[in-house]
Amino acid sequence: MSKCVNLRAEAQALLETNILRFWQERMVDYQQGGFYGRIDGYNVLHPDAEKGAVLNARILWTFSAAARVLHNTPYRILAARAYDYLMQRFMDREQGGVYWSLNADGTLLDTKKQTYAIAFAIYGLAEYYHATQDPEALNAAIRLFEDIETHAFHVSPLEGESEGVGYVEALTRDWQPIADMRLSEKDENGVFTMNTHLHVLEAYTNLYRVLKNVQRDDVQGTKERVEHQLRTLIDIFATRIFDPATGHLMLFFDESWHPLFSSLSLGEGRGEVSPGHDIEAAWLLHEALEVFGDEELLNQTLPVIHSLAQAAEEGIMDEKEWWCYAEAVVGYIDKWKLYQDEKPIESNINLELAEAAFHYIQNHLVDRENGEWFWSVLPDGTPDRTHDKAGFWKCPYHNSRMCIELIERLC
């Protein structure tokens, strides 16, 4: 157990002295509100960079979770700052949902409704409620859940098949079809994607977790609907997104859930698979099933979870990006816990793999001079400075969550 104690202590030190301190000291925008949109790989601040909904929602989740787990008042203050900015600037009070991006001064830039971004807003708001018990945060999360279910939940044209449902990738501000649904330029323009469904699953799990303990008559129906849609998402992963032939997740789909194949990739040069998402999905599916407490459904889904975790091992350590290593650590810790009773030898191997991945992060990805992590490690072993240190897609989320998961799981 000393190994677990040491790893937990290292995770907390990394979280507080390297990750959160960077965002506290470098990313708070005292001039224009909220948080800055970008610091590049050379640690240069870009104060006029756009501000993304995903970045702000992930900051909200991070400082809310840190405040809840570590009982730290300064973290709670920064969580409140992110909460206020999300509510005042990103929330579309006329049409519902959240805007995709803002200019640096908080004025509207891109008003499209990306389901992925709304899911992260739910994720952050639910965590803020978990940390503060602020009822308005829970109410806002519920409103966004209703927005997704009303506008983005889509029945695909598969006659007679109840499984032919999913969450469309994006819509216009007033929830009409949009030609370019892509989350980013490296994605396929699919109606359905693995990535968005994964983070809707994650958001709904966090919302359901807090709703289970809310004693309000007006939310009981919502709690039942969230549970139902979580079960639907688990089924979508097991029957549509998971590829039993390879053990990996497929990435992009048309309206009828036919896979869209191309050379595009969510990882570096790995074609149609993303090992980082495979291992992240494995533990997020397990987390959702544990929140349910449904042993029968867990047993039905465990083969998918095991296959994803196993398939991810084929390439996860080749993915030198910061977020892949963070998810690998959590994935291995999850497998360690899962196998402890039935397969103790395999369980201990996974603990060793988690420790090895964590120490790779410390030795190669952590920027000890300027704070936070580099985006990736280049083939020659040097840090990648061409990508942002903090930005639209470089948020304190995967790495902070890794540390928080270790703190909670290894206590």
Protein backbone atom coordinates (compact mmCIF):
# COMPACT_ATOMS: atom_id res chain seq x y z
CA MET A 1 0.00 0.00 0.00
CA SER A 2 3.00 2.33 0.41
CA LYS A 3 3.18 2.54 -3.40
CA CYS A 4 -0.43 3.80 -3.48
CA VAL A 5 0.23 6.32 -0.71
CA ASN A 6 3.27 7.68 -2.55
CA LEU A 7 1.44 7.91 -5.86
CA ARG A 8 -1.45 9.73 -4.21
CA ALA A 9 0.90 12.24 -2.58
CA GLU A 10 2.74 12.81 -5.86
CA ALA A 11 -0.58 13.36 -7.65
CA GLN A 12 -1.73 15.97 -5.14
CA ALA A 13 1.59 17.80 -5.30
CA LEU A 14 1.49 17.80 -9.11
CA LEU A 15 -2.09 19.05 -9.11
CA GLU A 16 -1.55 21.91 -6.70
CA THR A 17 1.98 23.11 -7.42
CA ASN A 18 2.14 22.56 -11.18
CA ILE A 19 -1.34 22.55 -12.76
CA LEU A 20 -3.69 24.63 -10.61
CA ARG A 21 -1.05 27.20 -9.70
CA PHE A 22 -0.45 27.86 -13.41
CA TRP A 23 -4.13 28.52 -14.03
CA GLN A 24 -4.42 30.63 -10.89
CA GLU A 25 -1.41 32.79 -11.65
CA ARG A 26 -1.31 32.95 -15.44
CA MET A 27 -4.80 32.49 -16.86
CA VAL A 28 -7.18 34.75 -14.91
CA ASP A 29 -8.25 37.65 -17.13
CA TYR A 30 -8.71 40.52 -14.69
CA GLN A 31 -9.07 43.05 -17.50
CA GLN A 32 -11.88 41.57 -19.61
CA GLY A 33 -13.38 38.95 -17.32
CA GLY A 34 -13.23 35.21 -17.00
CA PHE A 35 -10.02 33.52 -18.13
CA TYR A 36 -7.61 34.19 -20.97
CA GLY A 37 -8.05 32.13 -24.10
CA ARG A 38 -4.45 31.22 -24.85
CA ILE A 39 -0.86 30.86 -23.71
CA ASP A 40 1.30 29.35 -26.43
CA GLY A 41 3.93 26.63 -26.17
CA TYR A 42 6.63 29.24 -25.50
CA ASN A 43 4.65 30.55 -22.51
CA VAL A 44 3.61 33.75 -24.28
CA LEU A 45 0.19 35.09 -23.28
CA HIS A 46 -2.22 36.01 -26.11
CA PRO A 47 -4.71 38.29 -24.31
CA ASP A 48 -6.82 38.85 -27.43
CA ALA A 49 -7.38 35.15 -28.16
CA GLU A 50 -10.95 33.90 -28.45
CA LYS A 51 -12.53 32.22 -25.42
CA GLY A 52 -14.11 28.81 -25.94
CA ALA A 53 -17.07 27.30 -24.11
CA VAL A 54 -15.21 24.00 -23.73
CA LEU A 55 -12.21 25.70 -22.10
CA ASN A 56 -14.39 27.68 -19.68
CA ALA A 57 -16.54 24.66 -18.77
CA ARG A 58 -13.44 22.55 -18.14
CA ILE A 59 -11.97 25.27 -15.92
CA LEU A 60 -15.28 25.28 -14.03
CA TRP A 61 -15.15 21.52 -13.56
CA THR A 62 -11.48 21.55 -12.53
CA PHE A 63 -11.66 24.17 -9.79
CA SER A 64 -15.02 22.86 -8.56
CA ALA A 65 -13.63 19.34 -8.22
CA ALA A 66 -10.44 20.62 -6.58
CA ALA A 67 -12.46 22.70 -4.12
CA ARG A 68 -14.66 19.71 -3.26
CA VAL A 69 -11.86 17.18 -2.85
CA LEU A 70 -9.24 19.41 -1.22
CA HIS A 71 -11.59 21.75 0.72
CA ASN A 72 -9.67 24.72 -0.60
CA THR A 73 -11.31 28.18 -0.51
CA PRO A 74 -9.15 29.81 -3.24
CA TYR A 75 -10.11 27.00 -5.62
CA ARG A 76 -13.75 27.58 -4.78
CA ILE A 77 -13.34 31.29 -5.57
CA LEU A 78 -11.94 30.48 -9.01
CA ALA A 79 -14.70 27.94 -9.58
CA ALA A 80 -17.20 30.70 -8.81
CA ARG A 81 -15.43 32.96 -11.30
CA ALA A 82 -15.74 30.33 -14.03
CA TYR A 83 -19.37 29.68 -13.05
CA ASP A 84 -20.30 33.37 -13.20
CA TYR A 85 -18.62 33.83 -16.58
CA LEU A 86 -20.30 30.75 -18.03
CA MET A 87 -23.71 31.90 -16.81
CA GLN A 88 -23.32 35.53 -17.87
CA ARG A 89 -21.50 35.15 -21.18
CA PHE A 90 -21.76 31.65 -22.64
CA MET A 91 -25.37 30.81 -21.78
CA ASP A 92 -27.84 31.62 -24.55
CA ARG A 93 -30.77 32.90 -22.51
CA GLU A 94 -32.95 33.37 -25.59
CA GLN A 95 -32.46 30.10 -27.50
CA GLY A 96 -30.98 27.81 -24.85
CA GLY A 97 -27.68 25.95 -24.89
CA VAL A 98 -24.26 27.60 -24.81
CA TYR A 99 -22.40 29.57 -27.45
CA TRP A 100 -19.35 27.92 -28.98
CA SER A 101 -16.95 30.87 -28.60
CA LEU A 102 -16.57 34.50 -27.60
CA ASN A 103 -14.18 37.28 -28.46
CA ALA A 104 -11.64 38.14 -25.79
CA ASP A 105 -13.89 40.93 -24.50
CA GLY A 106 -16.82 38.55 -24.01
CA THR A 107 -18.82 39.52 -27.08
CA LEU A 108 -20.28 36.79 -29.29
CA LEU A 109 -18.04 35.16 -31.88
CA ASP A 110 -19.50 31.77 -32.90
CA THR A 111 -23.07 31.09 -31.78
CA LYS A 112 -23.47 27.52 -33.05
CA LYS A 113 -24.71 24.84 -30.66
CA GLN A 114 -22.09 22.10 -30.45
CA THR A 115 -23.48 19.22 -28.38
CA TYR A 116 -19.97 18.50 -27.10
CA ALA A 117 -19.69 21.98 -25.57
CA ILE A 118 -23.14 21.82 -23.97
CA ALA A 119 -22.20 18.48 -22.44
CA PHE A 120 -19.10 19.98 -20.86
CA ALA A 121 -21.17 22.84 -19.48
CA ILE A 122 -23.43 20.24 -17.81
CA TYR A 123 -20.35 18.42 -16.52
CA GLY A 124 -18.94 21.60 -14.98
CA LEU A 125 -22.24 22.85 -13.56
CA ALA A 126 -23.00 19.50 -11.92
CA GLU A 127 -19.54 19.50 -10.32
CA TYR A 128 -19.99 23.10 -9.14
CA TYR A 129 -23.26 22.08 -7.51
CA HIS A 130 -21.49 19.07 -5.96
CA ALA A 131 -18.91 21.42 -4.44
CA THR A 132 -21.19 24.30 -3.39
CA GLN A 133 -24.78 23.01 -3.25
CA ASP A 134 -25.80 26.11 -5.20
CA PRO A 135 -29.31 25.21 -6.47
CA GLU A 136 -29.07 27.55 -9.47
CA ALA A 137 -26.08 25.62 -10.79
CA LEU A 138 -28.12 22.41 -10.67
CA ASN A 139 -31.08 24.16 -12.31
CA ALA A 140 -28.80 25.41 -15.11
CA ALA A 141 -27.40 21.91 -15.66
CA ILE A 142 -30.93 20.52 -15.88
CA ARG A 143 -31.95 23.19 -18.40
CA LEU A 144 -29.00 22.26 -20.60
CA PHE A 145 -29.90 18.58 -20.28
CA GLU A 146 -33.38 19.46 -21.54
CA ASP A 147 -31.89 21.48 -24.40
CA ILE A 148 -29.82 18.52 -25.57
CA GLU A 149 -32.71 16.09 -25.24
CA THR A 150 -35.14 18.41 -27.02
CA HIS A 151 -32.92 19.43 -29.92
CA ALA A 152 -29.90 17.12 -30.29
CA PHE A 153 -31.31 13.70 -29.46
CA HIS A 154 -32.08 12.26 -32.87
CA VAL A 155 -33.88 9.16 -34.12
CA SER A 156 -31.95 7.87 -37.11
CA PRO A 157 -33.73 6.28 -40.10
CA LEU A 158 -33.47 2.64 -39.04
CA GLU A 159 -36.98 1.29 -39.33
CA GLY A 160 -38.04 -0.96 -36.50
CA GLU A 161 -34.78 -0.56 -34.55
CA SER A 162 -35.06 1.26 -31.25
CA GLU A 163 -31.23 1.47 -31.14
CA GLY A 164 -31.15 3.85 -34.08
CA VAL A 165 -30.86 6.94 -31.92
CA GLY A 166 -28.04 9.27 -31.02
CA TYR A 167 -26.92 12.82 -30.34
CA VAL A 168 -26.26 14.97 -33.40
CA GLU A 169 -22.93 16.71 -33.48
CA ALA A 170 -23.99 20.34 -33.97
CA LEU A 171 -26.84 22.69 -34.86
CA THR A 172 -27.26 26.42 -35.50
CA ARG A 173 -27.97 28.87 -32.71
CA ASP A 174 -31.72 28.32 -33.16
CA TRP A 175 -31.27 24.52 -33.32
CA GLN A 176 -31.58 24.08 -37.08
CA PRO A 177 -29.43 21.73 -39.22
CA ILE A 178 -25.94 23.01 -39.89
CA ALA A 179 -23.76 22.05 -42.87
CA ASP A 180 -20.42 21.82 -41.08
CA MET A 181 -20.87 19.82 -37.88
CA ARG A 182 -17.19 19.18 -37.20
CA LEU A 183 -15.78 19.70 -33.74
CA SER A 184 -12.42 20.62 -35.26
CA GLU A 185 -10.69 20.63 -38.63
CA LYS A 186 -9.20 17.17 -38.10
CA ASP A 187 -12.61 15.54 -37.65
CA GLU A 188 -14.90 13.98 -40.21
CA ASN A 189 -18.18 15.83 -40.83
CA GLY A 190 -20.33 13.10 -39.28
CA VAL A 191 -23.84 13.40 -37.87
CA PHE A 192 -22.80 11.19 -34.95
CA THR A 193 -19.33 10.92 -33.41
CA MET A 194 -17.74 8.80 -30.73
CA ASN A 195 -16.19 11.83 -29.05
CA THR A 196 -19.42 13.73 -28.49
CA HIS A 197 -21.26 10.65 -27.24
CA LEU A 198 -18.42 9.92 -24.83
CA HIS A 199 -18.66 13.35 -23.25
CA VAL A 200 -22.45 13.37 -23.15
CA LEU A 201 -22.10 10.08 -21.25
CA GLU A 202 -19.57 11.69 -18.92
CA ALA A 203 -21.77 14.75 -18.33
CA TYR A 204 -24.93 12.76 -17.71
CA THR A 205 -23.05 10.50 -15.28
CA ASN A 206 -21.98 13.52 -13.22
CA LEU A 207 -25.48 15.01 -13.35
CA TYR A 208 -27.06 11.72 -12.29
CA ARG A 209 -24.54 11.34 -9.47
CA VAL A 210 -25.68 14.61 -7.87
CA LEU A 211 -29.36 14.14 -8.67
CA LYS A 212 -29.40 10.85 -6.75
CA ASN A 213 -28.88 12.81 -3.53
CA VAL A 214 -31.24 15.72 -4.25
CA GLN A 215 -34.44 15.63 -2.21
CA ARG A 216 -36.55 17.90 -4.41
CA ASP A 217 -39.86 16.77 -5.84
CA ASP A 218 -39.36 18.89 -8.97
CA VAL A 219 -36.25 16.97 -10.06
CA GLN A 220 -37.37 13.38 -9.58
CA GLY A 221 -38.69 13.08 -13.12
CA THR A 222 -35.47 14.57 -14.48
CA LYS A 223 -33.41 12.07 -12.50
CA GLU A 224 -35.35 9.19 -14.06
CA ARG A 225 -34.89 10.63 -17.55
CA VAL A 226 -31.16 11.15 -17.05
CA GLU A 227 -30.85 7.53 -15.90
CA HIS A 228 -32.81 6.32 -18.93
CA GLN A 229 -30.64 8.30 -21.34
CA LEU A 230 -27.48 7.10 -19.64
CA ARG A 231 -28.60 3.53 -20.26
CA THR A 232 -29.29 4.48 -23.88
CA LEU A 233 -25.77 5.89 -24.21
CA ILE A 234 -24.21 2.74 -22.76
CA ASP A 235 -26.18 0.72 -25.29
CA ILE A 236 -25.04 3.01 -28.13
CA PHE A 237 -21.43 2.43 -27.16
CA ALA A 238 -21.87 -1.33 -26.90
CA THR A 239 -23.85 -1.80 -30.13
CA ARG A 240 -22.88 1.09 -32.45
CA ILE A 241 -19.57 2.68 -31.52
CA PHE A 242 -17.58 -0.31 -30.22
CA ASP A 243 -16.10 -2.44 -32.99
CA PRO A 244 -15.93 -6.07 -31.77
CA ALA A 245 -13.67 -7.00 -34.68
CA THR A 246 -10.85 -4.74 -33.48
CA GLY A 247 -11.75 -3.98 -29.85
CA HIS A 248 -11.48 -0.26 -30.63
CA LEU A 249 -14.06 2.49 -30.86
CA MET A 250 -15.08 3.71 -34.30
CA LEU A 251 -14.94 7.48 -34.58
CA PHE A 252 -17.38 9.02 -37.08
CA PHE A 253 -20.80 7.98 -38.42
CA ASP A 254 -23.52 9.10 -40.78
CA GLU A 255 -27.17 9.50 -39.81
CA SER A 256 -27.77 5.76 -40.10
CA TRP A 257 -24.77 4.87 -37.92
CA HIS A 258 -22.68 3.74 -40.88
CA PRO A 259 -18.98 4.36 -40.05
CA LEU A 260 -17.22 7.10 -42.00
CA PHE A 261 -13.65 6.09 -42.74
CA SER A 262 -10.90 8.46 -43.77
CA SER A 263 -7.27 9.25 -43.03
CA LEU A 264 -8.34 11.73 -40.38
CA SER A 265 -7.46 10.88 -36.82
CA LEU A 266 -8.04 12.07 -33.27
CA GLY A 267 -4.52 10.94 -32.43
CA GLU A 268 -1.19 11.42 -34.13
CA GLY A 269 -1.17 9.39 -37.32
CA ARG A 270 -3.19 6.46 -36.05
CA GLY A 271 -5.83 6.43 -38.77
CA GLU A 272 -9.18 5.10 -37.67
CA VAL A 273 -8.47 4.45 -33.99
CA SER A 274 -7.73 6.61 -30.96
CA PRO A 275 -6.19 4.59 -28.11
CA GLY A 276 -6.49 7.55 -25.74
CA HIS A 277 -10.24 7.61 -26.25
CA ASP A 278 -10.44 3.82 -26.00
CA ILE A 279 -8.98 3.75 -22.50
CA GLU A 280 -10.87 6.89 -21.46
CA ALA A 281 -14.14 5.32 -22.63
CA ALA A 282 -13.36 2.10 -20.75
CA TRP A 283 -13.15 3.80 -17.38
CA LEU A 284 -15.94 6.32 -18.08
CA LEU A 285 -18.31 3.47 -19.00
CA HIS A 286 -17.28 1.66 -15.81
CA GLU A 287 -17.86 4.85 -13.82
CA ALA A 288 -21.37 5.29 -15.25
CA LEU A 289 -22.24 1.69 -14.40
CA GLU A 290 -20.90 2.07 -10.86
CA VAL A 291 -23.02 5.20 -10.36
CA PHE A 292 -26.05 3.10 -11.36
CA GLY A 293 -25.18 0.26 -9.05
CA ASP A 294 -26.75 -2.13 -11.57
CA GLU A 295 -24.72 -5.35 -11.32
CA GLU A 296 -26.55 -7.05 -14.20
CA LEU A 297 -25.89 -4.21 -16.64
CA LEU A 298 -22.30 -3.98 -15.40
CA ASN A 299 -21.72 -7.66 -16.11
CA GLN A 300 -23.27 -7.28 -19.57
CA THR A 301 -20.98 -4.37 -20.41
CA LEU A 302 -17.74 -5.60 -18.83
CA PRO A 303 -16.62 -7.46 -22.00
CA VAL A 304 -16.73 -4.16 -23.91
CA ILE A 305 -14.84 -2.38 -21.13
CA HIS A 306 -12.19 -5.10 -21.01
CA SER A 307 -11.80 -5.12 -24.81
CA LEU A 308 -11.40 -1.34 -25.00
CA ALA A 309 -8.80 -1.27 -22.25
CA GLN A 310 -6.90 -4.15 -23.85
CA ALA A 311 -7.04 -2.64 -27.35
CA ALA A 312 -5.85 0.71 -26.04
CA GLU A 313 -2.67 -0.89 -24.71
CA GLU A 314 -1.63 -1.63 -28.28
CA GLY A 315 -0.98 2.03 -28.96
CA ILE A 316 -1.54 4.16 -25.88
CA MET A 317 2.16 4.55 -25.09
CA ASP A 318 2.85 5.53 -28.70
CA GLU A 319 0.53 8.50 -28.26
CA LYS A 320 2.88 11.08 -26.76
CA GLU A 321 0.16 13.70 -26.23
CA TRP A 322 -0.43 14.93 -22.71
CA TRP A 323 -4.09 13.92 -22.51
CA CYS A 324 -3.48 10.34 -23.70
CA TYR A 325 -1.01 9.72 -20.89
CA ALA A 326 -3.36 11.26 -18.32
CA GLU A 327 -6.18 8.96 -19.45
CA ALA A 328 -3.82 5.97 -19.46
CA VAL A 329 -3.01 6.53 -15.79
CA VAL A 330 -6.69 6.60 -14.82
CA GLY A 331 -7.50 3.66 -17.08
CA TYR A 332 -4.78 1.49 -15.51
CA ILE A 333 -5.86 2.48 -11.99
CA ASP A 334 -9.43 1.55 -12.90
CA LYS A 335 -8.29 -1.87 -14.15
CA TRP A 336 -6.19 -2.33 -11.01
CA LYS A 337 -9.29 -1.76 -8.85
CA LEU A 338 -11.49 -3.88 -11.12
CA TYR A 339 -9.21 -6.93 -10.99
CA GLN A 340 -8.11 -6.74 -7.35
CA ASP A 341 -10.27 -9.62 -6.09
CA GLU A 342 -10.48 -11.95 -9.10
CA LYS A 343 -7.09 -11.42 -10.77
CA PRO A 344 -4.61 -10.06 -8.20
CA ILE A 345 -1.51 -10.61 -10.37
CA GLU A 346 -3.03 -8.80 -13.36
CA SER A 347 -4.31 -6.15 -10.98
CA ASN A 348 -0.81 -5.42 -9.70
CA ILE A 349 0.54 -5.24 -13.24
CA ASN A 350 -1.95 -2.48 -13.98
CA LEU A 351 -0.88 -0.57 -10.87
CA GLU A 352 2.71 -0.77 -12.10
CA LEU A 353 1.64 0.45 -15.56
CA ALA A 354 -0.21 3.37 -14.00
CA GLU A 355 2.85 4.28 -11.97
CA ALA A 356 5.10 4.03 -15.05
CA ALA A 357 2.80 6.28 -17.10
CA PHE A 358 2.60 8.78 -14.23
CA HIS A 359 6.37 8.98 -13.94
CA TYR A 360 6.71 9.38 -17.72
CA ILE A 361 4.43 12.40 -17.37
CA GLN A 362 6.55 13.82 -14.56
CA ASN A 363 9.81 13.26 -16.43
CA HIS A 364 8.80 14.31 -19.96
CA LEU A 365 5.51 16.26 -20.10
CA VAL A 366 5.53 18.45 -16.99
CA ASP A 367 7.00 21.91 -17.47
CA ARG A 368 8.71 22.39 -14.13
CA GLU A 369 10.01 25.84 -14.96
CA ASN A 370 6.84 27.56 -16.21
CA GLY A 371 4.04 25.30 -14.96
CA GLU A 372 1.45 23.06 -16.62
CA TRP A 373 2.30 20.33 -19.16
CA PHE A 374 3.66 20.45 -22.67
CA TRP A 375 1.26 19.31 -25.38
CA SER A 376 3.34 16.29 -26.34
CA VAL A 377 6.79 14.78 -26.62
CA LEU A 378 8.40 14.93 -30.07
CA PRO A 379 10.09 11.88 -31.65
CA ASP A 380 13.51 13.22 -30.58
CA GLY A 381 12.35 13.30 -26.95
CA THR A 382 12.06 17.08 -26.67
CA PRO A 383 8.83 18.86 -25.64
CA ASP A 384 6.45 20.05 -28.35
CA ARG A 385 6.27 23.84 -28.15
CA THR A 386 4.37 24.35 -31.40
CA HIS A 387 1.09 23.59 -29.63
CA ASP A 388 -0.47 25.67 -26.86
CA LYS A 389 0.31 25.38 -23.18
CA ALA A 390 -3.24 26.59 -22.54
CA GLY A 391 -5.89 27.29 -25.13
CA PHE A 392 -9.08 26.35 -26.90
CA TRP A 393 -8.25 22.63 -26.57
CA LYS A 394 -5.50 22.68 -23.91
CA CYS A 395 -7.42 22.86 -20.67
CA PRO A 396 -6.85 21.86 -17.02
CA TYR A 397 -9.12 18.87 -17.42
CA HIS A 398 -7.46 15.59 -18.40
CA ASN A 399 -4.42 16.24 -16.21
CA SER A 400 -6.31 17.69 -13.22
CA ARG A 401 -8.86 14.90 -13.43
CA MET A 402 -6.09 12.31 -13.46
CA CYS A 403 -4.70 13.76 -10.23
CA ILE A 404 -8.12 14.02 -8.60
CA GLU A 405 -8.98 10.45 -9.56
CA LEU A 406 -5.74 9.25 -7.96
CA ILE A 407 -6.41 11.28 -4.80
CA GLU A 408 -9.92 9.82 -4.47
CA ARG A 409 -9.17 6.26 -5.54
CA LEU A 410 -5.93 5.80 -3.55
CA CYS A 411 -7.05 7.28 -0.23
